[in-house]
Every structure is written in C-alpha cells, then in structure tokens.
C-alpha cells in the first residue's frame, strides 16, 4: 500500500483525463494495454487514480492517444505531482488553465460543505452577481466575456441534475456576505432572494453565521470547501478533500490530520450558525432593506 502515499488529487485528475483520451481514441482497456505492452491492470490503475504514476508511462499513453503536445506536457508534469503529500495547483502552471481539477472533484462528490466568508458561493450566484464578482480581462471581447460567464454559470447545473443524484450542498455563509454590495442594489437584492429560493431545495442547506459570533473558527480558517465522495466499487473509497482557493491557485488537502482540522472548524461553525429558517428570514429581510419590492 506504500504507493498510495501522497495526495489523491493529482492521481484522480490525471486518471480521469487519460481515460477520456482513451475513450476519444476509441480504444478499449485491453487494446491500450496491448499497444503499450503492459497489463490491463496497470492501465486501469492509472485511470482509477490508484497509485503513483511515472511520467514515462503518461507520455507513452499520450502518444498512443494522439494527445496535443501542450496536453501531454501538462499531464507529464501532473504525474510528477502524484507523490506529493499536499498539492498546490497554480493556475496555468504546471498544468494548463483548461485543466479544471476542482470541477472534476466537485461533480464526483456526494457532499459539499462550503464556508463562505467573503462572497456568495459560485454554485449559488446569479448572472448579475457573477458578472460583477469576476470582471473579465480588459482586452476580452464581448463574446469572450459572455462565454466565460456562461462557463461559470454552467457549473450550477450540478445542483439540478437528475442523474447521478446531485450532491448534498451545505453552506455556512457569514452575515457580512449579505451586507457586502456586489453590483448595484437591485443585483444584490436579486442575489439574496435567489439564495433564499435555493435554500428550499431538498439537498441544499444555507445557514448564516451572524456577526455576533465574533472571531469563530471560520474567520481563522478562511473560505474552504469540504468534499466527500461516494463509496466506489473498489475496496478503498476516494478520500475526502479540503479545497482552498486564492488569487493565483488552489490548495488541495487530503491527509487525515488536515481533514480532521477542518472537520473541527466546520463543527464549530455548525454550533454557531442560525438555523435554516432563521437564516432564510434574515436573507429576505436584508434583501427587502436593500431593494423593496
């Protein structure tokens, strides 16, 4: 089991991508294994993210599947990270920007718990709020801006998909998020009403941490997301992951001690937050004060 040491995040991301490449190349596991002159089990283990991966094996797979050179370079670099204990993904390097690591984890999770201390979570943002929160590059054309906005909003399909079942999404929202104006007052009021509506979904829970809670554990930890994954067909299920994002990159933590620390922080928030109904009333009251009607 020693080969499983290290972060599972780059292993899972790498496995998912090479599996997609093989599927696009219309090759079976047996066919790929024969062409690579290795066992079917080895190809399956790489695709399943079950162990440390060698760059030479990834390069051979990319050549077999006729992957683009920049994609090959990104995946080979990612293979070098499969031994890492914790994993930092810098946007653009060493993995290209198109490589959406978090999106893959988010779509595979059965439970998402997000502490939002500054902004409304991306999965719950309205179009107006999202546009005001993520200003495009100044040189982007109108078409490019719209395409980027659509890509951000498309993530929200996760909460309304039929199959597989959408994940349980629990949000701890600091009261300051309700008071911080993003866009004009109408945009902000619309966002708050959207939050109240989203909280009525059976699998969505939105609770507010009142300002009176003071210097709680979330204020120290900062924004974070806890991702739990469903048990798979393998003996060992995918370990849970803590996700933290910054301006230039994202940190993925999945060591047991790290997970335990954030679980304790979440438990502290759970004890301090308003109930779902109390939170909904506060959200709607704030919206009404911002923009009556």
C-alpha atoms as a PDB file:
ATOM      1  CA  UNK A   1       0.000   0.000   0.000  1.00  0.00           C
ATOM      2  CA  UNK A   2       3.034   2.307   0.128  1.00  0.00           C
ATOM      3  CA  UNK A   3       2.426   3.507  -3.417  1.00  0.00           C
ATOM      4  CA  UNK A   4      -0.822   5.116  -2.310  1.00  0.00           C
ATOM      5  CA  UNK A   5       1.031   7.615  -0.117  1.00  0.00           C
ATOM      6  CA  UNK A   6       0.635  11.201  -1.152  1.00  0.00           C
ATOM      7  CA  UNK A   7      -2.255  13.319  -2.355  1.00  0.00           C
ATOM      8  CA  UNK A   8      -5.001  11.571  -4.287  1.00  0.00           C
ATOM      9  CA  UNK A   9      -5.990  14.767  -6.109  1.00  0.00           C
ATOM     10  CA  UNK A  10      -3.403  14.769  -8.936  1.00  0.00           C
ATOM     11  CA  UNK A  11      -3.801  10.994  -9.298  1.00  0.00           C
ATOM     12  CA  UNK A  12      -7.565  11.280  -9.737  1.00  0.00           C
ATOM     13  CA  UNK A  13      -7.297  14.229 -12.108  1.00  0.00           C
ATOM     14  CA  UNK A  14      -4.645  12.503 -14.199  1.00  0.00           C
ATOM     15  CA  UNK A  15      -6.595   9.244 -14.319  1.00  0.00           C
ATOM     16  CA  UNK A  16      -9.786  10.964 -15.402  1.00  0.00           C
ATOM     17  CA  UNK A  17      -8.025  12.750 -18.259  1.00  0.00           C
ATOM     18  CA  UNK A  18      -6.152   9.749 -19.675  1.00  0.00           C
ATOM     19  CA  UNK A  19      -9.380   7.738 -19.523  1.00  0.00           C
ATOM     20  CA  UNK A  20     -11.136  10.457 -21.535  1.00  0.00           C
ATOM     21  CA  UNK A  21      -8.278  10.465 -24.042  1.00  0.00           C
ATOM     22  CA  UNK A  22      -8.519   6.687 -24.460  1.00  0.00           C
ATOM     23  CA  UNK A  23     -12.286   6.928 -24.950  1.00  0.00           C
ATOM     24  CA  UNK A  24     -11.870   9.665 -27.562  1.00  0.00           C
ATOM     25  CA  UNK A  25      -9.306   7.461 -29.320  1.00  0.00           C
ATOM     26  CA  UNK A  26     -11.924   4.657 -29.356  1.00  0.00           C
ATOM     27  CA  UNK A  27      -9.644   2.196 -27.645  1.00  0.00           C
ATOM     28  CA  UNK A  28     -10.586  -0.423 -25.072  1.00  0.00           C
ATOM     29  CA  UNK A  29      -8.563  -1.101 -21.930  1.00  0.00           C
ATOM     30  CA  UNK A  30      -7.332  -4.335 -23.488  1.00  0.00           C
ATOM     31  CA  UNK A  31      -6.407  -2.611 -26.733  1.00  0.00           C
ATOM     32  CA  UNK A  32      -4.499   0.146 -24.937  1.00  0.00           C
ATOM     33  CA  UNK A  33      -2.670  -2.353 -22.756  1.00  0.00           C
ATOM     34  CA  UNK A  34      -1.630  -4.407 -25.785  1.00  0.00           C
ATOM     35  CA  UNK A  35      -0.370  -1.322 -27.634  1.00  0.00           C
ATOM     36  CA  UNK A  36       1.535  -0.124 -24.563  1.00  0.00           C
ATOM     37  CA  UNK A  37       2.910  -3.630 -23.919  1.00  0.00           C
ATOM     38  CA  UNK A  38       1.723  -3.661 -20.319  1.00  0.00           C
ATOM     39  CA  UNK A  39      -1.025  -5.336 -18.331  1.00  0.00           C
ATOM     40  CA  UNK A  40      -4.663  -4.309 -18.482  1.00  0.00           C
ATOM     41  CA  UNK A  41      -4.483  -3.902 -14.702  1.00  0.00           C
ATOM     42  CA  UNK A  42      -1.764  -1.256 -14.974  1.00  0.00           C
ATOM     43  CA  UNK A  43      -3.790   0.890 -17.368  1.00  0.00           C
ATOM     44  CA  UNK A  44      -6.876   0.504 -15.181  1.00  0.00           C
ATOM     45  CA  UNK A  45      -4.994   1.501 -12.031  1.00  0.00           C
ATOM     46  CA  UNK A  46      -3.629   4.653 -13.667  1.00  0.00           C
ATOM     47  CA  UNK A  47      -7.097   5.612 -14.923  1.00  0.00           C
ATOM     48  CA  UNK A  48      -8.578   4.916 -11.483  1.00  0.00           C
ATOM     49  CA  UNK A  49      -6.023   7.089  -9.673  1.00  0.00           C
ATOM     50  CA  UNK A  50      -4.850   4.206  -7.515  1.00  0.00           C
ATOM     51  CA  UNK A  51      -1.137   4.895  -7.270  1.00  0.00           C
ATOM     52  CA  UNK A  52       1.933   6.929  -8.110  1.00  0.00           C
ATOM     53  CA  UNK A  53       2.305   7.392 -11.877  1.00  0.00           C
ATOM     54  CA  UNK A  54       5.533   7.617 -13.869  1.00  0.00           C
ATOM     55  CA  UNK A  55       5.909  10.388 -16.394  1.00  0.00           C
ATOM     56  CA  UNK A  56       7.244   7.953 -18.985  1.00  0.00           C
ATOM     57  CA  UNK A  57       4.011   5.929 -18.813  1.00  0.00           C
ATOM     58  CA  UNK A  58       1.871   9.036 -19.195  1.00  0.00           C
ATOM     59  CA  UNK A  59       3.918  10.184 -22.174  1.00  0.00           C
ATOM     60  CA  UNK A  60       3.500   6.792 -23.848  1.00  0.00           C
ATOM     61  CA  UNK A  61      -0.261   6.945 -23.304  1.00  0.00           C
ATOM     62  CA  UNK A  62      -0.487  10.463 -24.706  1.00  0.00           C
ATOM     63  CA  UNK A  63       1.465   9.422 -27.816  1.00  0.00           C
ATOM     64  CA  UNK A  64      -0.793   6.406 -28.293  1.00  0.00           C
ATOM     65  CA  UNK A  65      -3.940   8.530 -27.946  1.00  0.00           C
ATOM     66  CA  UNK A  66      -2.533  11.311 -30.161  1.00  0.00           C
ATOM     67  CA  UNK A  67      -2.851  13.971 -27.455  1.00  0.00           C
ATOM     68  CA  UNK A  68      -1.842  17.562 -28.170  1.00  0.00           C
ATOM     69  CA  UNK A  69       1.756  18.455 -27.167  1.00  0.00           C
ATOM     70  CA  UNK A  70       0.634  21.018 -24.567  1.00  0.00           C
ATOM     71  CA  UNK A  71      -1.757  18.490 -23.044  1.00  0.00           C
ATOM     72  CA  UNK A  72       0.981  15.876 -22.941  1.00  0.00           C
ATOM     73  CA  UNK A  73       3.357  18.291 -21.208  1.00  0.00           C
ATOM     74  CA  UNK A  74       0.705  19.190 -18.625  1.00  0.00           C
ATOM     75  CA  UNK A  75      -0.109  15.558 -17.849  1.00  0.00           C
ATOM     76  CA  UNK A  76       3.538  14.543 -17.573  1.00  0.00           C
ATOM     77  CA  UNK A  77       4.052  17.405 -15.121  1.00  0.00           C
ATOM     78  CA  UNK A  78       0.977  16.249 -13.227  1.00  0.00           C
ATOM     79  CA  UNK A  79       2.412  12.720 -12.999  1.00  0.00           C
ATOM     80  CA  UNK A  80       5.382  14.179 -11.165  1.00  0.00           C
ATOM     81  CA  UNK A  81       2.985  15.526  -8.515  1.00  0.00           C
ATOM     82  CA  UNK A  82       1.399  12.144  -7.715  1.00  0.00           C
ATOM     83  CA  UNK A  83       3.928  11.567  -4.918  1.00  0.00           C
ATOM     84  CA  UNK A  84       3.160  14.878  -3.185  1.00  0.00           C
ATOM     85  CA  UNK A  85       1.667  14.930   0.326  1.00  0.00           C
ATOM     86  CA  UNK A  86      -0.394  18.065  -0.160  1.00  0.00           C
ATOM     87  CA  UNK A  87      -0.942  19.579  -3.549  1.00  0.00           C
ATOM     88  CA  UNK A  88      -0.869  23.147  -4.784  1.00  0.00           C
ATOM     89  CA  UNK A  89      -2.298  23.848  -8.213  1.00  0.00           C
ATOM     90  CA  UNK A  90      -1.053  27.165  -9.592  1.00  0.00           C
ATOM     91  CA  UNK A  91      -3.339  28.459 -12.311  1.00  0.00           C
ATOM     92  CA  UNK A  92      -1.607  27.900 -15.634  1.00  0.00           C
ATOM     93  CA  UNK A  93       1.500  26.168 -14.255  1.00  0.00           C
ATOM     94  CA  UNK A  94       2.493  23.373 -14.299  1.00  0.00           C
ATOM     95  CA  UNK A  95      -0.961  22.352 -15.501  1.00  0.00           C
ATOM     96  CA  UNK A  96      -2.580  24.403 -18.300  1.00  0.00           C
ATOM     97  CA  UNK A  97      -5.579  26.602 -17.464  1.00  0.00           C
ATOM     98  CA  UNK A  98      -8.043  24.330 -19.267  1.00  0.00           C
ATOM     99  CA  UNK A  99      -7.316  21.536 -16.795  1.00  0.00           C
ATOM    100  CA  UNK A 100     -10.263  22.003 -14.437  1.00  0.00           C
ATOM    101  CA  UNK A 101      -9.209  19.980 -11.420  1.00  0.00           C
ATOM    102  CA  UNK A 102     -11.779  21.267  -8.986  1.00  0.00           C
ATOM    103  CA  UNK A 103     -14.668  20.913 -11.419  1.00  0.00           C
ATOM    104  CA  UNK A 104     -13.986  17.210 -11.757  1.00  0.00           C
ATOM    105  CA  UNK A 105     -13.876  16.699  -7.997  1.00  0.00           C
ATOM    106  CA  UNK A 106     -16.997  18.805  -7.481  1.00  0.00           C
ATOM    107  CA  UNK A 107     -19.028  16.808  -9.997  1.00  0.00           C
ATOM    108  CA  UNK A 108     -17.930  13.498  -8.446  1.00  0.00           C
ATOM    109  CA  UNK A 109     -18.633  14.459  -4.809  1.00  0.00           C
ATOM    110  CA  UNK A 110     -21.700  13.229  -2.935  1.00  0.00           C
ATOM    111  CA  UNK A 111     -21.479  16.013  -0.342  1.00  0.00           C
ATOM    112  CA  UNK A 112     -20.104  19.551  -0.498  1.00  0.00           C
ATOM    113  CA  UNK A 113     -19.716  21.765   2.568  1.00  0.00           C
ATOM    114  CA  UNK A 114     -18.627  25.330   1.921  1.00  0.00           C
ATOM    115  CA  UNK A 115     -17.677  28.072   4.339  1.00  0.00           C
ATOM    116  CA  UNK A 116     -18.128  31.381   2.515  1.00  0.00           C
ATOM    117  CA  UNK A 117     -16.717  34.359   4.359  1.00  0.00           C
ATOM    118  CA  UNK A 118     -16.462  36.963   1.609  1.00  0.00           C
ATOM    119  CA  UNK A 119     -18.710  36.159  -1.361  1.00  0.00           C
ATOM    120  CA  UNK A 120     -21.734  34.064  -2.274  1.00  0.00           C
ATOM    121  CA  UNK A 121     -20.540  30.585  -3.376  1.00  0.00           C
ATOM    122  CA  UNK A 122     -20.189  30.187  -7.134  1.00  0.00           C
ATOM    123  CA  UNK A 123     -22.842  27.445  -7.234  1.00  0.00           C
ATOM    124  CA  UNK A 124     -25.415  29.906  -5.881  1.00  0.00           C
ATOM    125  CA  UNK A 125     -24.543  33.111  -7.762  1.00  0.00           C
ATOM    126  CA  UNK A 126     -26.956  34.875 -10.104  1.00  0.00           C
ATOM    127  CA  UNK A 127     -25.764  36.020 -13.507  1.00  0.00           C
ATOM    128  CA  UNK A 128     -25.552  39.646 -12.385  1.00  0.00           C
ATOM    129  CA  UNK A 129     -23.647  38.837  -9.204  1.00  0.00           C
ATOM    130  CA  UNK A 130     -21.240  36.523 -11.061  1.00  0.00           C
ATOM    131  CA  UNK A 131     -20.539  39.176 -13.695  1.00  0.00           C
ATOM    132  CA  UNK A 132     -19.799  41.771 -11.002  1.00  0.00           C
ATOM    133  CA  UNK A 133     -17.669  39.379  -8.960  1.00  0.00           C
ATOM    134  CA  UNK A 134     -15.470  38.132 -11.805  1.00  0.00           C
ATOM    135  CA  UNK A 135     -14.595  41.094 -14.035  1.00  0.00           C
ATOM    136  CA  UNK A 136     -13.188  39.834 -17.357  1.00  0.00           C
ATOM    137  CA  UNK A 137      -9.784  40.628 -18.757  1.00  0.00           C
ATOM    138  CA  UNK A 138      -9.836  44.217 -20.072  1.00  0.00           C
ATOM    139  CA  UNK A 139      -8.793  43.046 -23.546  1.00  0.00           C
ATOM    140  CA  UNK A 140     -11.540  40.392 -23.787  1.00  0.00           C
ATOM    141  CA  UNK A 141     -14.179  40.840 -26.499  1.00  0.00           C
ATOM    142  CA  UNK A 142     -17.873  40.888 -25.661  1.00  0.00           C
ATOM    143  CA  UNK A 143     -18.228  37.360 -27.000  1.00  0.00           C
ATOM    144  CA  UNK A 144     -15.327  36.126 -24.876  1.00  0.00           C
ATOM    145  CA  UNK A 145     -16.777  37.736 -21.760  1.00  0.00           C
ATOM    146  CA  UNK A 146     -20.141  36.092 -22.333  1.00  0.00           C
ATOM    147  CA  UNK A 147     -18.530  32.710 -22.955  1.00  0.00           C
ATOM    148  CA  UNK A 148     -16.540  32.896 -19.710  1.00  0.00           C
ATOM    149  CA  UNK A 149     -19.641  33.900 -17.758  1.00  0.00           C
ATOM    150  CA  UNK A 150     -21.655  31.036 -19.270  1.00  0.00           C
ATOM    151  CA  UNK A 151     -18.911  28.579 -18.329  1.00  0.00           C
ATOM    152  CA  UNK A 152     -19.033  29.749 -14.699  1.00  0.00           C
ATOM    153  CA  UNK A 153     -22.810  29.550 -14.537  1.00  0.00           C
ATOM    154  CA  UNK A 154     -22.901  26.111 -16.179  1.00  0.00           C
ATOM    155  CA  UNK A 155     -21.358  24.648 -13.024  1.00  0.00           C
ATOM    156  CA  UNK A 156     -24.675  25.272 -11.295  1.00  0.00           C
ATOM    157  CA  UNK A 157     -26.311  22.504 -13.346  1.00  0.00           C
ATOM    158  CA  UNK A 158     -24.727  20.227 -10.737  1.00  0.00           C
ATOM    159  CA  UNK A 159     -27.407  21.155  -8.200  1.00  0.00           C
ATOM    160  CA  UNK A 160     -30.304  20.458 -10.567  1.00  0.00           C
ATOM    161  CA  UNK A 161     -29.100  17.384 -12.411  1.00  0.00           C
ATOM    162  CA  UNK A 162     -31.243  14.234 -12.298  1.00  0.00           C
ATOM    163  CA  UNK A 163     -28.606  11.536 -12.741  1.00  0.00           C
ATOM    164  CA  UNK A 164     -26.397  10.982 -10.986  1.00  0.00           C
ATOM    165  CA  UNK A 165     -28.148  12.340  -7.922  1.00  0.00           C
ATOM    166  CA  UNK A 166     -26.993  15.899  -7.100  1.00  0.00           C
ATOM    167  CA  UNK A 167     -24.654  16.227  -4.126  1.00  0.00           C
ATOM    168  CA  UNK A 168     -25.781  17.412  -0.725  1.00  0.00           C
ATOM    169  CA  UNK A 169     -24.673  21.064  -0.610  1.00  0.00           C
ATOM    170  CA  UNK A 170     -24.307  22.720   2.788  1.00  0.00           C
ATOM    171  CA  UNK A 171     -23.260  26.362   3.073  1.00  0.00           C
ATOM    172  CA  UNK A 172     -22.119  28.365   6.076  1.00  0.00           C
ATOM    173  CA  UNK A 173     -22.498  31.975   4.941  1.00  0.00           C
ATOM    174  CA  UNK A 174     -21.033  34.786   7.012  1.00  0.00           C
ATOM    175  CA  UNK A 175     -23.531  37.601   7.580  1.00  0.00           C
ATOM    176  CA  UNK A 176     -21.001  40.035   6.107  1.00  0.00           C
ATOM    177  CA  UNK A 177     -21.620  38.399   2.706  1.00  0.00           C
ATOM    178  CA  UNK A 178     -25.236  39.538   2.886  1.00  0.00           C
ATOM    179  CA  UNK A 179     -24.189  43.100   3.646  1.00  0.00           C
ATOM    180  CA  UNK A 180     -21.355  43.436   1.115  1.00  0.00           C
ATOM    181  CA  UNK A 181     -22.800  45.046  -2.017  1.00  0.00           C
ATOM    182  CA  UNK A 182     -21.699  43.390  -5.247  1.00  0.00           C
ATOM    183  CA  UNK A 183     -23.051  45.159  -8.324  1.00  0.00           C
ATOM    184  CA  UNK A 184     -25.891  47.628  -7.826  1.00  0.00           C
ATOM    185  CA  UNK A 185     -28.565  47.322  -5.125  1.00  0.00           C
ATOM    186  CA  UNK A 186     -31.023  45.572  -7.455  1.00  0.00           C
ATOM    187  CA  UNK A 187     -28.379  42.965  -8.361  1.00  0.00           C
ATOM    188  CA  UNK A 188     -27.595  42.357  -4.712  1.00  0.00           C
ATOM    189  CA  UNK A 189     -31.239  42.110  -3.695  1.00  0.00           C
ATOM    190  CA  UNK A 190     -31.862  39.659  -6.539  1.00  0.00           C
ATOM    191  CA  UNK A 191     -28.910  37.588  -5.389  1.00  0.00           C
ATOM    192  CA  UNK A 192     -30.227  37.411  -1.835  1.00  0.00           C
ATOM    193  CA  UNK A 193     -33.694  36.346  -2.998  1.00  0.00           C
ATOM    194  CA  UNK A 194     -32.068  33.702  -5.182  1.00  0.00           C
ATOM    195  CA  UNK A 195     -30.227  32.420  -2.101  1.00  0.00           C
ATOM    196  CA  UNK A 196     -33.493  32.131  -0.211  1.00  0.00           C
ATOM    197  CA  UNK A 197     -35.062  30.187  -3.095  1.00  0.00           C
ATOM    198  CA  UNK A 198     -32.051  27.877  -3.459  1.00  0.00           C
ATOM    199  CA  UNK A 199     -32.236  27.043   0.237  1.00  0.00           C
ATOM    200  CA  UNK A 200     -35.643  25.459  -0.355  1.00  0.00           C
ATOM    201  CA  UNK A 201     -34.116  22.686  -2.489  1.00  0.00           C
ATOM    202  CA  UNK A 202     -34.158  19.432  -0.526  1.00  0.00           C
ATOM    203  CA  UNK A 203     -30.438  18.818  -0.975  1.00  0.00           C
ATOM    204  CA  UNK A 204     -29.310  22.416  -0.269  1.00  0.00           C
ATOM    205  CA  UNK A 205     -28.795  23.882   3.199  1.00  0.00           C
ATOM    206  CA  UNK A 206     -27.901  27.564   3.658  1.00  0.00           C
ATOM    207  CA  UNK A 207     -27.161  28.843   7.148  1.00  0.00           C
ATOM    208  CA  UNK A 208     -25.876  32.242   8.208  1.00  0.00           C
ATOM    209  CA  UNK A 209     -23.107  32.885  10.718  1.00  0.00           C
ATOM    210  CA  UNK A 210     -24.180  36.091  12.497  1.00  0.00           C
ATOM    211  CA  UNK A 211     -21.688  38.882  13.026  1.00  0.00           C
ATOM    212  CA  UNK A 212     -22.277  38.418  16.744  1.00  0.00           C
ATOM    213  CA  UNK A 213     -20.466  35.064  16.513  1.00  0.00           C
ATOM    214  CA  UNK A 214     -17.227  37.051  16.686  1.00  0.00           C
ATOM    215  CA  UNK A 215     -13.832  35.511  15.902  1.00  0.00           C
ATOM    216  CA  UNK A 216     -15.070  31.999  15.152  1.00  0.00           C
ATOM    217  CA  UNK A 217     -13.004  29.165  13.687  1.00  0.00           C
ATOM    218  CA  UNK A 218     -14.106  30.030  10.148  1.00  0.00           C
ATOM    219  CA  UNK A 219     -12.682  33.542  10.485  1.00  0.00           C
ATOM    220  CA  UNK A 220      -9.320  31.963  11.238  1.00  0.00           C
ATOM    221  CA  UNK A 221      -9.537  29.193   8.621  1.00  0.00           C
ATOM    222  CA  UNK A 222     -10.848  31.421   5.819  1.00  0.00           C
ATOM    223  CA  UNK A 223     -13.086  30.195   2.980  1.00  0.00           C
ATOM    224  CA  UNK A 224     -12.902  26.461   2.297  1.00  0.00           C
ATOM    225  CA  UNK A 225     -14.855  23.569   0.803  1.00  0.00           C
ATOM    226  CA  UNK A 226     -15.056  20.027   2.195  1.00  0.00           C
ATOM    227  CA  UNK A 227     -15.723  17.369  -0.461  1.00  0.00           C
ATOM    228  CA  UNK A 228     -16.902  13.859   0.412  1.00  0.00           C
ATOM    229  CA  UNK A 229     -17.052  11.130  -2.234  1.00  0.00           C
ATOM    230  CA  UNK A 230     -19.397   8.159  -2.524  1.00  0.00           C
ATOM    231  CA  UNK A 231     -18.088   4.643  -1.932  1.00  0.00           C
ATOM    232  CA  UNK A 232     -16.956   3.107  -5.210  1.00  0.00           C
ATOM    233  CA  UNK A 233     -16.554  -0.419  -6.411  1.00  0.00           C
ATOM    234  CA  UNK A 234     -13.008  -0.528  -5.070  1.00  0.00           C
ATOM    235  CA  UNK A 235     -12.117  -1.677  -1.563  1.00  0.00           C
ATOM    236  CA  UNK A 236     -10.674   1.725  -0.672  1.00  0.00           C
ATOM    237  CA  UNK A 237     -13.035   4.671  -1.336  1.00  0.00           C
ATOM    238  CA  UNK A 238     -11.694   8.007  -2.529  1.00  0.00           C
ATOM    239  CA  UNK A 239     -10.516  10.016   0.482  1.00  0.00           C
ATOM    240  CA  UNK A 240     -12.265  13.314   1.203  1.00  0.00           C
ATOM    241  CA  UNK A 241     -10.595  16.553   0.123  1.00  0.00           C
ATOM    242  CA  UNK A 242     -10.317  20.062   1.560  1.00  0.00           C
ATOM    243  CA  UNK A 243     -10.221  22.749  -1.142  1.00  0.00           C
ATOM    244  CA  UNK A 244      -8.916  26.275  -0.571  1.00  0.00           C
ATOM    245  CA  UNK A 245      -8.667  28.865  -3.328  1.00  0.00           C
ATOM    246  CA  UNK A 246      -6.590  32.036  -3.669  1.00  0.00           C
ATOM    247  CA  UNK A 247      -5.979  34.620  -6.361  1.00  0.00           C
ATOM    248  CA  UNK A 248      -3.197  32.616  -8.038  1.00  0.00           C
ATOM    249  CA  UNK A 249      -4.003  28.994  -7.307  1.00  0.00           C
ATOM    250  CA  UNK A 250      -5.710  26.379  -5.174  1.00  0.00           C
ATOM    251  CA  UNK A 251      -4.635  24.105  -2.350  1.00  0.00           C
ATOM    252  CA  UNK A 252      -5.956  20.545  -2.112  1.00  0.00           C
ATOM    253  CA  UNK A 253      -5.540  18.782   1.242  1.00  0.00           C
ATOM    254  CA  UNK A 254      -6.415  15.147   1.872  1.00  0.00           C
ATOM    255  CA  UNK A 255      -4.154  13.947   4.681  1.00  0.00           C
ATOM    256  CA  UNK A 256      -6.222  12.649   7.631  1.00  0.00           C
ATOM    257  CA  UNK A 257      -4.821  15.228  10.077  1.00  0.00           C
ATOM    258  CA  UNK A 258      -5.623  18.090   7.693  1.00  0.00           C
ATOM    259  CA  UNK A 259      -9.141  16.811   7.101  1.00  0.00           C
ATOM    260  CA  UNK A 260      -9.710  16.409  10.842  1.00  0.00           C
ATOM    261  CA  UNK A 261      -8.686  20.024  11.495  1.00  0.00           C
ATOM    262  CA  UNK A 262     -11.223  21.354   9.001  1.00  0.00           C
ATOM    263  CA  UNK A 263     -13.911  18.999  10.296  1.00  0.00           C
ATOM    264  CA  UNK A 264     -13.402  20.546  13.736  1.00  0.00           C
ATOM    265  CA  UNK A 265     -13.682  24.021  12.207  1.00  0.00           C
ATOM    266  CA  UNK A 266     -16.935  23.006  10.490  1.00  0.00           C
ATOM    267  CA  UNK A 267     -18.332  21.584  13.733  1.00  0.00           C
ATOM    268  CA  UNK A 268     -17.604  24.913  15.425  1.00  0.00           C
ATOM    269  CA  UNK A 269     -19.460  26.795  12.674  1.00  0.00           C
ATOM    270  CA  UNK A 270     -22.362  24.372  12.910  1.00  0.00           C
ATOM    271  CA  UNK A 271     -22.739  25.205  16.603  1.00  0.00           C
ATOM    272  CA  UNK A 272     -22.774  28.980  15.990  1.00  0.00           C
ATOM    273  CA  UNK A 273     -24.860  29.352  12.822  1.00  0.00           C
ATOM    274  CA  UNK A 274     -28.525  30.287  12.677  1.00  0.00           C
ATOM    275  CA  UNK A 275     -30.999  27.584  11.701  1.00  0.00           C
ATOM    276  CA  UNK A 276     -32.028  27.263   8.052  1.00  0.00           C
ATOM    277  CA  UNK A 277     -35.354  29.013   8.682  1.00  0.00           C
ATOM    278  CA  UNK A 278     -33.775  31.800  10.728  1.00  0.00           C
ATOM    279  CA  UNK A 279     -31.173  32.246   8.012  1.00  0.00           C
ATOM    280  CA  UNK A 280     -33.807  32.452   5.277  1.00  0.00           C
ATOM    281  CA  UNK A 281     -35.697  35.132   7.194  1.00  0.00           C
ATOM    282  CA  UNK A 282     -32.515  37.170   7.674  1.00  0.00           C
ATOM    283  CA  UNK A 283     -31.580  36.841   3.995  1.00  0.00           C
ATOM    284  CA  UNK A 284     -35.034  38.019   2.841  1.00  0.00           C
ATOM    285  CA  UNK A 285     -35.110  40.834   5.402  1.00  0.00           C
ATOM    286  CA  UNK A 286     -31.733  42.078   4.135  1.00  0.00           C
ATOM    287  CA  UNK A 287     -32.938  41.873   0.516  1.00  0.00           C
ATOM    288  CA  UNK A 288     -36.059  43.878   1.354  1.00  0.00           C
ATOM    289  CA  UNK A 289     -33.999  46.579   3.068  1.00  0.00           C
ATOM    290  CA  UNK A 290     -31.688  46.818   0.050  1.00  0.00           C
ATOM    291  CA  UNK A 291     -34.363  46.894  -2.630  1.00  0.00           C
ATOM    292  CA  UNK A 292     -38.014  46.809  -1.555  1.00  0.00           C
ATOM    293  CA  UNK A 293     -40.486  45.183  -3.886  1.00  0.00           C
END
